[in-house]
Amino acid sequence: MSKEDIHVNRVDDVEHGEQKTQDSLDILKDPVITAFPDGGFRAWLTVAGSFSVLFVASGFTYGYGIFISYYSTNMLKDHTISQISWIGSSAPFIHSVIGVPVGNAYDAGYFRHLMIGGSLLYVVAIMLLSICSKYYQVFLCQGVLVGVATGLIYQPSVTILSHYFSKRRALVMGIAASGASLGGVIYPILLNRLFVRMGFAWGVRTAGFMIAGILVLGNLAMTTRLPTRHRGTATVHAASDDVVNSVVPESIPSFNYRSLGEPTYLFTIVGCAMIMMGISLPFSYLQVFALTHQAISNDLAFYVLGIMMSGSVFGAIFWAYLADKLGVLNIVIFTTTISAALQFSLLGASHSGSVIAVGVLYGFFSSAFQAMLGPIFSRVSTTVTEIGHRMGFGFLVIGIGSLIGPPIQGALLGKNQMHFGWWKALLFAAVSLTDQ
């Protein structure tokens, strides 16, 4: 079946009324895989595994605000906050840059290889970080190695959910994304306590042992369902799945790379990159903001990021549930606009109650975009067998936003911690969020 035939079939389905709304494009009849279980033991076990992996991968990244606070006052205090921010922004950028080969490998059937290799590299990177003492060492471990490892495991963990779900795809991807948010709650609190009680080295190592255990469980829980063009067989448990068994490798269309130039797809990923450039400011600098404004005590400041991420845990699931009913892009546009307004409201946050209130609300609304990344790419894909390619190239573009966002914000803040230019950084972030 050619790509042209697939597109014609999907357009005919819409014109004949089988699915009439833009918001339901993801449940148009897939031209290759004709049915999805949308539930069952294996499906929900895979959701649990995805949740666990994202808890580890994104949770550690979201917790970088704790490292900024620690590095700027201890190990790397001779470096500017903008320089330190490059470490945290490099990891998601590298994670995104390798999205293209990762997406190709995933669609080719190398899910298990990506997951095992990425998990091992992640644990090694964390353990090496515990013995770092210089900027370049931290950059290599926490910026480069963690970035590569996250890239190997994040995308496959999200995309595999499309093997099992269609009608509830946004919801289950949102549930998995809430694992990342929960990690953002746990890790800042955990790392703060570990650093105080054990010091940096053993605090990081202890977190690394916990990460290793969770990754093992996540890898065991996730299994693929669909055959691929290059590695034709599905997993053993799919032996009784008539839909899967009816698909032969030759019937799976090869990916047409020219389709990456489709205007709808390009505008979507550029818009996502703009959002990514602005959405990270509170995650990176809220604790610094609260401390420099003396709006919160030192003890309570340690919990600011965790409190903010607690809003994301519930927000990711809530917005994902609505997205299956109201449309993914509708949810993204609404929530990013509110997020931009909440960033500006920080300028009026002068005491602990207001800082915490803005943080919780920001976590709740901003979580929608993070939860919607998977569903966005499923909607701009012709068939479930090409989501890896689409997501991989999209992550490459989005990664540019995640790379340059925090350092630009740090540069706009300036070098004088007592007189940071917060309004400049907040204006940049808010414009990035709304200029989609």
Protein backbone atom coordinates (compact mmCIF):
# COMPACT_ATOMS: atom_id res chain seq x y z
CA MET A 1 0.00 0.00 0.00
CA SER A 2 1.51 3.37 -1.02
CA LYS A 3 1.60 6.49 1.08
CA GLU A 4 -0.71 8.14 -1.42
CA ASP A 5 -3.28 5.38 -1.00
CA ILE A 6 -3.12 5.74 2.76
CA HIS A 7 -3.75 9.47 2.63
CA VAL A 8 -6.65 9.01 0.19
CA ASN A 9 -8.26 6.38 2.43
CA ARG A 10 -8.02 8.63 5.47
CA VAL A 11 -9.49 11.61 3.59
CA ASP A 12 -12.32 9.42 2.26
CA ASP A 13 -13.08 8.24 5.79
CA VAL A 14 -13.52 11.82 6.94
CA GLU A 15 -15.56 12.87 3.88
CA HIS A 16 -17.96 9.96 4.28
CA GLY A 17 -18.59 10.80 7.91
CA GLU A 18 -16.87 7.86 9.63
CA GLN A 19 -14.94 10.45 11.67
CA LYS A 20 -15.90 14.07 11.23
CA THR A 21 -13.89 16.13 13.66
CA GLN A 22 -10.30 17.27 13.61
CA ASP A 23 -10.03 16.22 17.22
CA SER A 24 -10.70 12.57 16.36
CA LEU A 25 -7.99 12.13 13.73
CA ASP A 26 -6.04 9.75 15.89
CA ILE A 27 -8.85 7.19 15.87
CA LEU A 28 -9.36 7.17 12.12
CA LYS A 29 -9.02 3.64 10.87
CA ASP A 30 -5.34 2.87 10.67
CA PRO A 31 -4.49 1.61 7.15
CA VAL A 32 -2.02 -0.96 8.49
CA ILE A 33 -3.21 -1.96 11.97
CA THR A 34 -6.98 -2.31 11.81
CA ALA A 35 -7.77 -2.64 15.53
CA PHE A 36 -6.35 -1.86 18.95
CA PRO A 37 -7.27 -3.57 22.22
CA ASP A 38 -7.52 -0.22 24.09
CA GLY A 39 -7.06 -2.14 27.32
CA GLY A 40 -6.17 -5.52 28.75
CA PHE A 41 -3.49 -6.78 31.12
CA ARG A 42 -0.54 -6.42 28.75
CA ALA A 43 -1.66 -2.97 27.66
CA TRP A 44 -1.99 -1.57 31.17
CA LEU A 45 1.20 -3.29 32.31
CA THR A 46 2.96 -1.47 29.50
CA VAL A 47 1.43 1.81 30.68
CA ALA A 48 2.81 1.07 34.16
CA GLY A 49 6.24 0.38 32.69
CA SER A 50 6.16 3.60 30.68
CA PHE A 51 5.10 5.51 33.82
CA SER A 52 8.07 4.05 35.71
CA VAL A 53 10.64 4.88 33.04
CA LEU A 54 9.38 8.45 32.62
CA PHE A 55 9.39 8.83 36.41
CA VAL A 56 13.13 8.17 36.32
CA ALA A 57 14.12 9.86 33.06
CA SER A 58 12.16 13.11 33.20
CA GLY A 59 12.01 13.31 36.98
CA PHE A 60 15.77 13.64 37.25
CA THR A 61 15.73 16.28 34.49
CA TYR A 62 12.92 18.24 36.12
CA GLY A 63 14.89 18.19 39.33
CA TYR A 64 17.77 20.12 37.76
CA GLY A 65 16.62 23.24 39.57
CA ILE A 66 18.02 21.62 42.71
CA PHE A 67 21.38 21.13 41.00
CA ILE A 68 21.40 24.77 39.83
CA SER A 69 20.92 25.87 43.41
CA TYR A 70 23.64 23.49 44.67
CA TYR A 71 26.18 24.14 41.89
CA SER A 72 25.80 27.94 42.08
CA THR A 73 26.61 27.97 45.80
CA ASN A 74 29.08 25.09 46.06
CA MET A 75 30.88 23.06 43.43
CA LEU A 76 30.52 25.48 40.50
CA LYS A 77 30.10 28.78 42.33
CA ASP A 78 32.81 30.40 40.15
CA HIS A 79 30.57 29.96 37.10
CA THR A 80 27.61 32.14 36.14
CA ILE A 81 24.08 30.83 36.47
CA SER A 82 23.76 30.97 32.69
CA GLN A 83 26.79 28.69 32.29
CA ILE A 84 25.38 26.27 34.85
CA SER A 85 22.05 26.31 33.02
CA TRP A 86 23.76 25.02 29.88
CA ILE A 87 24.32 21.70 31.64
CA GLY A 88 20.64 21.22 32.38
CA SER A 89 19.47 22.39 28.96
CA SER A 90 22.04 20.30 27.08
CA ALA A 91 20.58 17.02 28.34
CA PRO A 92 17.09 17.49 26.84
CA PHE A 93 18.68 18.94 23.68
CA ILE A 94 20.88 15.88 23.14
CA HIS A 95 17.90 13.71 24.07
CA SER A 96 16.02 15.46 21.26
CA VAL A 97 18.84 15.49 18.71
CA ILE A 98 19.23 11.73 18.77
CA GLY A 99 15.47 11.41 18.31
CA VAL A 100 15.85 10.82 14.58
CA PRO A 101 18.02 7.65 14.79
CA VAL A 102 16.07 6.52 17.87
CA GLY A 103 12.76 6.93 16.04
CA ASN A 104 14.10 5.02 13.04
CA ALA A 105 15.40 2.22 15.25
CA TYR A 106 12.11 2.05 17.14
CA ASP A 107 10.02 1.76 13.97
CA ALA A 108 12.48 -0.87 12.72
CA GLY A 109 11.75 -3.05 15.76
CA TYR A 110 14.69 -2.36 18.08
CA PHE A 111 12.62 -1.26 21.06
CA ARG A 112 14.26 -3.65 23.51
CA HIS A 113 17.78 -2.77 22.39
CA LEU A 114 17.11 0.94 22.88
CA MET A 115 15.60 0.42 26.32
CA ILE A 116 18.34 -1.83 27.71
CA GLY A 117 21.19 0.24 26.26
CA GLY A 118 19.68 3.52 27.44
CA SER A 119 18.95 2.21 30.93
CA LEU A 120 22.50 0.96 31.43
CA LEU A 121 23.98 4.23 30.17
CA TYR A 122 21.68 6.25 32.45
CA VAL A 123 22.85 4.45 35.59
CA VAL A 124 26.50 4.73 34.55
CA ALA A 125 26.10 8.48 33.95
CA ILE A 126 24.58 9.05 37.38
CA MET A 127 27.30 7.08 39.12
CA LEU A 128 30.01 8.99 37.26
CA LEU A 129 28.34 12.28 38.22
CA SER A 130 28.87 11.43 41.88
CA ILE A 131 32.66 11.70 41.47
CA CYS A 132 32.68 14.88 39.39
CA SER A 133 34.26 18.06 40.75
CA LYS A 134 34.81 20.29 37.69
CA TYR A 135 32.47 21.99 35.24
CA TYR A 136 33.50 19.98 32.18
CA GLN A 137 33.09 16.71 34.10
CA VAL A 138 29.58 17.62 35.24
CA PHE A 139 28.72 18.76 31.72
CA LEU A 140 29.88 15.47 30.18
CA CYS A 141 28.02 13.30 32.72
CA GLN A 142 24.84 15.26 33.45
CA GLY A 143 24.63 17.06 30.13
CA VAL A 144 25.90 14.64 27.48
CA LEU A 145 25.60 11.10 28.90
CA VAL A 146 22.27 11.69 30.66
CA GLY A 147 21.01 13.35 27.49
CA VAL A 148 21.92 10.36 25.31
CA ALA A 149 20.52 7.88 27.83
CA THR A 150 17.25 9.78 28.19
CA GLY A 151 16.92 9.99 24.44
CA LEU A 152 17.28 6.23 24.11
CA ILE A 153 14.55 5.40 26.64
CA TYR A 154 12.09 8.33 26.66
CA GLN A 155 10.75 8.22 23.13
CA PRO A 156 10.28 4.42 22.92
CA SER A 157 8.55 4.42 26.32
CA VAL A 158 5.96 6.92 25.09
CA THR A 159 5.53 5.58 21.56
CA ILE A 160 5.00 1.97 22.59
CA LEU A 161 1.64 2.93 24.10
CA SER A 162 0.35 3.47 20.56
CA HIS A 163 0.71 -0.30 20.03
CA TYR A 164 -2.19 -0.89 22.38
CA PHE A 165 -4.36 2.24 22.44
CA SER A 166 -6.17 4.36 19.88
CA LYS A 167 -9.36 5.86 21.30
CA ARG A 168 -7.72 6.49 24.68
CA ARG A 169 -4.23 7.20 23.37
CA ALA A 170 -4.00 10.74 24.73
CA LEU A 171 -5.23 9.58 28.13
CA VAL A 172 -2.69 6.77 28.57
CA MET A 173 0.14 8.96 27.29
CA GLY A 174 -0.96 11.53 29.84
CA ILE A 175 -0.91 8.90 32.58
CA ALA A 176 2.63 7.95 31.57
CA ALA A 177 3.62 11.63 31.48
CA SER A 178 2.31 12.03 35.02
CA GLY A 179 5.11 9.65 36.01
CA ALA A 180 7.58 12.31 34.86
CA SER A 181 5.69 14.89 36.93
CA LEU A 182 5.71 12.63 39.97
CA GLY A 183 9.45 12.26 39.52
CA GLY A 184 9.62 16.04 39.54
CA VAL A 185 7.91 15.98 42.93
CA ILE A 186 10.01 13.22 44.47
CA TYR A 187 13.47 13.99 43.12
CA PRO A 188 13.88 17.61 44.30
CA ILE A 189 12.83 16.65 47.83
CA LEU A 190 14.86 13.44 47.77
CA LEU A 191 18.01 15.08 46.39
CA ASN A 192 17.81 17.98 48.81
CA ARG A 193 17.58 15.60 51.77
CA LEU A 194 20.31 13.33 50.43
CA PHE A 195 22.68 16.23 49.80
CA VAL A 196 22.17 17.51 53.34
CA ARG A 197 22.54 14.14 55.06
CA MET A 198 25.07 12.35 52.85
CA GLY A 199 26.76 15.05 50.83
CA PHE A 200 26.68 15.42 47.06
CA ALA A 201 28.60 12.26 46.12
CA TRP A 202 26.68 9.70 48.15
CA GLY A 203 23.43 11.56 47.63
CA VAL A 204 23.77 11.14 43.86
CA ARG A 205 24.86 7.51 44.22
CA THR A 206 21.87 6.67 46.39
CA ALA A 207 19.57 8.22 43.80
CA GLY A 208 21.41 6.18 41.16
CA PHE A 209 20.71 2.88 42.93
CA MET A 210 17.02 3.76 43.15
CA ILE A 211 17.00 4.70 39.46
CA ALA A 212 18.57 1.35 38.53
CA GLY A 213 15.88 -0.62 40.36
CA ILE A 214 13.00 1.32 38.81
CA LEU A 215 14.44 0.98 35.31
CA VAL A 216 14.68 -2.79 35.72
CA LEU A 217 10.99 -2.97 36.64
CA GLY A 218 10.01 -0.65 33.80
CA ASN A 219 11.89 -2.71 31.22
CA LEU A 220 10.27 -5.92 32.42
CA ALA A 221 6.78 -4.42 32.30
CA MET A 222 6.84 -3.06 28.74
CA THR A 223 6.39 -5.33 25.74
CA THR A 224 5.77 -4.58 22.08
CA ARG A 225 2.66 -5.76 20.27
CA LEU A 226 3.13 -4.98 16.58
CA PRO A 227 5.39 -6.49 13.92
CA THR A 228 7.70 -4.18 11.96
CA ARG A 229 8.90 -3.91 8.39
CA HIS A 230 12.47 -4.94 9.24
CA ARG A 231 11.91 -7.25 12.22
CA GLY A 232 8.72 -8.89 11.11
CA THR A 233 7.57 -10.85 14.14
CA ALA A 234 5.62 -9.45 17.06
CA THR A 235 6.16 -10.53 20.64
CA VAL A 236 5.12 -13.98 21.85
CA HIS A 237 2.03 -12.76 23.68
CA ALA A 238 0.62 -11.46 20.38
CA ALA A 239 0.27 -15.01 19.06
CA SER A 240 -3.47 -14.95 19.76
CA ASP A 241 -3.93 -11.46 18.29
CA ASP A 242 -5.59 -12.01 14.92
CA VAL A 243 -5.11 -8.39 13.88
CA VAL A 244 -1.37 -8.56 14.43
CA ASN A 245 -1.02 -11.98 12.85
CA SER A 246 -2.74 -10.75 9.69
CA VAL A 247 -0.01 -8.16 9.15
CA VAL A 248 3.02 -9.26 7.17
CA PRO A 249 6.16 -7.13 6.98
CA GLU A 250 5.63 -6.48 3.27
CA SER A 251 2.29 -4.79 4.00
CA ILE A 252 3.89 -2.18 6.26
CA PRO A 253 4.72 0.85 4.11
CA SER A 254 8.23 2.28 4.23
CA PHE A 255 8.42 5.80 5.58
CA ASN A 256 8.28 8.59 3.01
CA TYR A 257 10.74 11.19 4.28
CA ARG A 258 9.31 13.80 1.94
CA SER A 259 6.21 13.81 4.14
CA LEU A 260 8.28 15.55 6.84
CA GLY A 261 7.95 18.66 4.69
CA GLU A 262 4.17 18.79 5.05
CA PRO A 263 3.20 22.33 6.19
CA THR A 264 0.90 21.08 8.97
CA TYR A 265 3.63 18.93 10.44
CA LEU A 266 6.32 21.61 10.15
CA PHE A 267 4.19 24.36 11.70
CA THR A 268 3.28 22.00 14.55
CA ILE A 269 6.83 21.10 15.50
CA VAL A 270 8.09 24.70 15.18
CA GLY A 271 5.26 25.78 17.49
CA CYS A 272 6.24 23.07 19.96
CA ALA A 273 9.87 24.27 19.87
CA MET A 274 8.73 27.80 20.72
CA ILE A 275 6.70 26.51 23.65
CA MET A 276 9.62 24.43 24.90
CA MET A 277 11.85 27.51 24.81
CA GLY A 278 9.62 29.37 27.26
CA ILE A 279 7.95 26.75 29.40
CA SER A 280 11.04 25.78 31.37
CA LEU A 281 11.65 29.06 33.26
CA PRO A 282 9.83 28.22 36.52
CA PHE A 283 11.25 24.69 36.52
CA SER A 284 14.79 26.07 36.31
CA TYR A 285 14.55 29.27 38.33
CA LEU A 286 11.55 29.27 40.67
CA GLN A 287 13.64 28.25 43.68
CA VAL A 288 16.25 30.89 42.82
CA PHE A 289 13.48 33.48 42.39
CA ALA A 290 11.96 32.70 45.77
CA LEU A 291 15.30 32.90 47.56
CA THR A 292 16.59 36.08 45.90
CA HIS A 293 13.30 37.84 46.64
CA GLN A 294 13.37 36.57 50.24
CA ALA A 295 9.81 35.45 49.60
CA ILE A 296 10.34 32.10 51.23
CA SER A 297 12.49 30.56 53.94
CA ASN A 298 15.56 28.50 53.08
CA ASP A 299 13.97 25.36 54.49
CA LEU A 300 10.74 25.77 52.52
CA ALA A 301 12.62 26.74 49.37
CA PHE A 302 13.87 23.15 49.10
CA TYR A 303 10.29 22.03 48.53
CA VAL A 304 9.25 24.67 45.99
CA LEU A 305 10.01 22.57 42.91
CA GLY A 306 8.37 19.50 44.39
CA ILE A 307 5.26 21.48 45.27
CA MET A 308 5.09 22.89 41.74
CA MET A 309 5.48 19.45 40.19
CA SER A 310 2.68 18.09 42.38
CA GLY A 311 0.34 20.22 40.29
CA SER A 312 1.77 18.58 37.17
CA VAL A 313 0.97 15.06 38.40
CA PHE A 314 -2.76 15.77 38.43
CA GLY A 315 -2.65 18.17 35.50
CA ALA A 316 -1.09 15.68 33.09
CA ILE A 317 -3.88 13.15 33.60
CA PHE A 318 -6.66 15.76 33.69
CA TRP A 319 -5.66 17.49 30.47
CA ALA A 320 -4.97 14.18 28.70
CA TYR A 321 -8.47 13.02 29.57
CA LEU A 322 -9.95 16.21 28.13
CA ALA A 323 -7.74 16.03 25.04
CA ASP A 324 -9.42 12.82 23.84
CA LYS A 325 -12.71 14.74 23.96
CA LEU A 326 -11.82 18.34 23.10
CA GLY A 327 -8.74 17.96 20.93
CA VAL A 328 -5.03 17.92 21.71
CA LEU A 329 -4.13 21.23 20.07
CA ASN A 330 -7.09 23.00 21.65
CA ILE A 331 -5.83 21.95 25.06
CA VAL A 332 -2.25 22.98 24.27
CA ILE A 333 -3.21 26.47 23.06
CA PHE A 334 -5.41 27.12 26.10
CA THR A 335 -2.99 25.85 28.74
CA THR A 336 0.14 27.51 27.32
CA THR A 337 -1.66 30.86 27.24
CA ILE A 338 -2.60 30.47 30.90
CA SER A 339 0.97 29.37 31.68
CA ALA A 340 2.35 32.58 30.14
CA ALA A 341 0.03 34.66 32.33
CA LEU A 342 1.09 32.71 35.41
CA GLN A 343 4.75 33.41 34.67
CA PHE A 344 4.07 37.15 34.67
CA SER A 345 2.16 36.81 37.94
CA LEU A 346 5.44 35.82 39.61
CA LEU A 347 6.43 39.48 39.55
CA GLY A 348 3.78 40.04 42.21
CA ALA A 349 4.68 37.00 44.33
CA SER A 350 6.21 38.54 47.43
CA HIS A 351 5.59 35.91 50.11
CA SER A 352 5.60 32.15 50.45
CA GLY A 353 1.87 31.69 49.94
CA SER A 354 1.85 33.50 46.60
CA VAL A 355 4.99 31.73 45.35
CA ILE A 356 3.54 28.33 46.19
CA ALA A 357 0.14 29.20 44.68
CA VAL A 358 1.71 30.32 41.40
CA GLY A 359 3.96 27.25 41.39
CA VAL A 360 1.12 24.75 41.87
CA LEU A 361 -1.06 26.43 39.23
CA TYR A 362 1.85 26.63 36.80
CA GLY A 363 2.63 22.97 37.29
CA PHE A 364 -1.03 22.08 36.68
CA PHE A 365 -1.39 24.06 33.44
CA SER A 366 2.08 23.60 31.97
CA SER A 367 1.87 19.83 32.39
CA ALA A 368 -0.62 19.73 29.53
CA PHE A 369 2.06 20.43 26.93
CA GLN A 370 4.42 17.77 28.26
CA ALA A 371 1.59 15.25 28.35
CA MET A 372 0.47 16.16 24.83
CA LEU A 373 3.77 15.62 23.01
CA GLY A 374 3.03 11.95 22.31
CA PRO A 375 -0.58 12.55 21.20
CA ILE A 376 0.52 15.48 19.01
CA PHE A 377 2.82 13.23 17.01
CA SER A 378 0.22 10.47 16.79
CA ARG A 379 -2.17 12.99 15.21
CA VAL A 380 0.30 14.10 12.56
CA SER A 381 1.20 10.49 11.67
CA THR A 382 -0.53 8.55 8.92
CA THR A 383 -0.22 5.20 10.66
CA VAL A 384 0.98 3.91 14.01
CA THR A 385 3.93 2.25 12.26
CA GLU A 386 5.53 5.64 11.46
CA ILE A 387 5.07 7.50 14.74
CA GLY A 388 8.70 6.83 15.68
CA HIS A 389 9.99 8.64 12.59
CA ARG A 390 7.63 11.58 13.06
CA MET A 391 8.42 11.93 16.74
CA GLY A 392 12.15 11.55 16.18
CA PHE A 393 12.41 14.42 13.70
CA GLY A 394 9.99 16.49 15.76
CA PHE A 395 12.11 16.04 18.88
CA LEU A 396 15.15 17.24 16.92
CA VAL A 397 13.44 20.58 16.24
CA ILE A 398 11.90 20.82 19.72
CA GLY A 399 15.31 20.13 21.23
CA ILE A 400 16.62 23.43 19.88
CA GLY A 401 14.06 25.22 22.04
CA SER A 402 14.95 23.20 25.13
CA LEU A 403 18.67 23.92 24.55
CA ILE A 404 18.59 27.68 24.18
CA GLY A 405 15.67 28.53 26.48
CA PRO A 406 17.21 28.34 30.00
CA PRO A 407 20.60 29.87 29.02
CA ILE A 408 18.87 32.81 27.30
CA GLN A 409 16.72 33.27 30.39
CA GLY A 410 19.84 33.09 32.56
CA ALA A 411 21.62 35.68 30.39
CA LEU A 412 18.61 38.00 30.62
CA LEU A 413 18.67 37.65 34.41
CA GLY A 414 22.24 38.98 34.46
CA LYS A 415 25.19 38.24 36.71
CA ASN A 416 24.20 40.15 39.84
CA GLN A 417 22.12 37.79 41.94
CA MET A 418 20.82 40.67 44.07
CA HIS A 419 19.50 42.54 41.03
CA PHE A 420 18.39 39.88 38.55
CA GLY A 421 16.38 41.20 35.60
CA TRP A 422 13.42 38.95 36.21
CA TRP A 423 11.00 40.92 34.06
CA LYS A 424 13.25 40.45 31.02
CA ALA A 425 13.44 36.68 31.42
CA LEU A 426 9.72 36.40 32.15
CA LEU A 427 8.82 38.50 29.11
CA PHE A 428 10.99 36.32 26.87
CA ALA A 429 9.45 33.12 28.24
CA ALA A 430 5.88 34.40 28.01
CA VAL A 431 6.31 35.54 24.40
CA SER A 432 7.80 32.16 23.52
CA LEU A 433 4.79 30.40 25.03
CA THR A 434 2.21 32.48 23.19
CA ASP A 435 3.97 32.89 19.83
CA GLN A 436 2.84 29.51 18.46
